């Protein structure tokens, strides 16, 4: 694995953990009623996508269990479609997809 790839994968893991920590124990109503939380989670998802975009094609192919295209596509939605960003998608990403991603990235980054 390229040195830069290790950095980007580590950043993906760190940002996913931060986003998960922000929503851990929260209900959807908490999310809907807290603009700062919504912005923070969306921004962390954006960073995850940006880091994913920078992981080499070789590493992406080597770790094909990671949904690279979906992660990068989500980054594009947050950045470019911010006026029409679907909060249901952000919530589902944070509550359903990020825990799986964290587990996958831990195996890659930490070897656990």
Protein backbone atom coordinates (compact mmCIF):
# COMPACT_ATOMS: atom_id res chain seq x y z
CA UNK A 1 0.00 0.00 0.00
CA UNK A 2 1.24 3.46 -0.82
CA UNK A 3 2.18 5.65 2.11
CA UNK A 4 -0.37 8.29 1.06
CA UNK A 5 -3.08 5.64 0.87
CA UNK A 6 -2.44 4.71 4.48
CA UNK A 7 -2.84 8.36 5.46
CA UNK A 8 -6.12 8.73 3.54
CA UNK A 9 -7.51 5.45 4.86
CA UNK A 10 -6.60 6.56 8.38
CA UNK A 11 -8.31 9.88 7.82
CA UNK A 12 -11.42 8.12 6.55
CA UNK A 13 -11.46 6.01 9.71
CA UNK A 14 -10.92 8.99 12.01
CA UNK A 15 -13.66 11.09 10.39
CA UNK A 16 -16.10 8.16 10.34
CA UNK A 17 -15.48 7.62 14.05
CA UNK A 18 -16.07 11.33 14.74
CA UNK A 19 -19.33 11.34 12.79
CA UNK A 20 -20.47 8.18 14.53
CA UNK A 21 -19.61 9.65 17.93
CA UNK A 22 -21.68 12.75 17.15
CA UNK A 23 -24.80 10.76 16.38
CA UNK A 24 -24.29 7.91 18.82
CA UNK A 25 -27.26 7.80 21.18
CA UNK A 26 -29.17 10.41 19.17
CA UNK A 27 -32.56 9.90 17.63
CA UNK A 28 -33.66 11.21 14.27
CA UNK A 29 -35.59 14.01 16.00
CA UNK A 30 -32.36 15.12 17.70
CA UNK A 31 -30.66 15.27 14.32
CA UNK A 32 -33.55 17.13 12.68
CA UNK A 33 -33.63 19.72 15.45
CA UNK A 34 -29.91 20.47 15.54
CA UNK A 35 -28.53 22.36 12.55
CA UNK A 36 -24.99 22.29 13.94
CA UNK A 37 -25.16 18.50 14.20
CA UNK A 38 -26.50 18.19 10.65
CA UNK A 39 -23.75 20.43 9.28
CA UNK A 40 -21.04 18.65 11.26
CA UNK A 41 -22.09 15.18 10.15
CA UNK A 42 -22.45 16.26 6.52
CA UNK A 43 -19.02 17.89 6.63
CA UNK A 44 -17.39 14.78 8.11
CA UNK A 45 -19.03 12.67 5.39
CA UNK A 46 -17.61 15.12 2.86
CA UNK A 47 -14.11 14.69 4.29
CA UNK A 48 -14.47 10.90 4.19
CA UNK A 49 -15.38 11.15 0.52
CA UNK A 50 -12.51 13.48 -0.26
CA UNK A 51 -10.04 11.14 1.40
CA UNK A 52 -11.58 8.17 -0.44
CA UNK A 53 -11.21 10.03 -3.72
CA UNK A 54 -7.48 10.31 -3.07
CA UNK A 55 -6.89 6.62 -2.36
CA UNK A 56 -5.10 5.07 -5.32
CA UNK A 57 -6.98 2.92 -7.80
CA UNK A 58 -4.73 0.02 -6.84
CA UNK A 59 -5.68 0.25 -3.17
CA UNK A 60 -9.34 0.70 -4.04
CA UNK A 61 -9.19 -2.48 -6.10
CA UNK A 62 -7.31 -4.30 -3.36
CA UNK A 63 -10.01 -3.33 -0.85
CA UNK A 64 -13.03 -3.78 -3.07
CA UNK A 65 -15.28 -4.44 -0.05
CA UNK A 66 -15.28 -0.67 0.51
CA UNK A 67 -18.02 1.02 -1.55
CA UNK A 68 -15.62 3.57 -3.06
CA UNK A 69 -17.95 4.93 -5.74
CA UNK A 70 -20.80 5.43 -3.28
CA UNK A 71 -18.53 7.20 -0.78
CA UNK A 72 -17.07 9.50 -3.42
CA UNK A 73 -20.52 10.12 -4.90
CA UNK A 74 -21.80 11.12 -1.46
CA UNK A 75 -18.95 13.60 -1.16
CA UNK A 76 -19.99 15.14 -4.48
CA UNK A 77 -23.59 15.42 -3.30
CA UNK A 78 -22.58 17.17 -0.08
CA UNK A 79 -20.28 19.58 -1.89
CA UNK A 80 -22.22 20.31 -5.06
CA UNK A 81 -25.85 19.65 -4.14
CA UNK A 82 -25.77 21.28 -0.73
CA UNK A 83 -28.97 23.22 -1.45
CA UNK A 84 -30.85 19.98 -2.11
CA UNK A 85 -29.00 17.70 0.28
CA UNK A 86 -31.37 14.99 1.43
CA UNK A 87 -31.16 14.81 5.22
CA UNK A 88 -32.61 11.29 5.12
CA UNK A 89 -29.59 10.17 3.11
CA UNK A 90 -27.18 11.91 5.50
CA UNK A 91 -28.90 10.30 8.52
CA UNK A 92 -28.94 6.86 6.90
CA UNK A 93 -25.31 7.19 5.88
CA UNK A 94 -24.28 8.20 9.39
CA UNK A 95 -26.35 5.60 11.23
CA UNK A 96 -26.22 2.61 8.88
CA UNK A 97 -23.27 2.95 6.54
CA UNK A 98 -20.61 4.50 8.74
CA UNK A 99 -20.59 1.73 11.38
CA UNK A 100 -19.96 -0.82 8.60
CA UNK A 101 -17.29 1.41 7.06
CA UNK A 102 -15.58 1.83 10.43
CA UNK A 103 -15.38 -1.94 10.83
CA UNK A 104 -13.99 -2.36 7.31
CA UNK A 105 -11.44 0.42 7.73
CA UNK A 106 -10.29 -0.88 11.11
CA UNK A 107 -9.39 -4.19 9.43
CA UNK A 108 -7.36 -2.37 6.79
CA UNK A 109 -5.77 0.37 8.89
CA UNK A 110 -5.35 -1.36 12.23
CA UNK A 111 -5.31 -4.97 11.09
CA UNK A 112 -8.13 -5.83 13.49
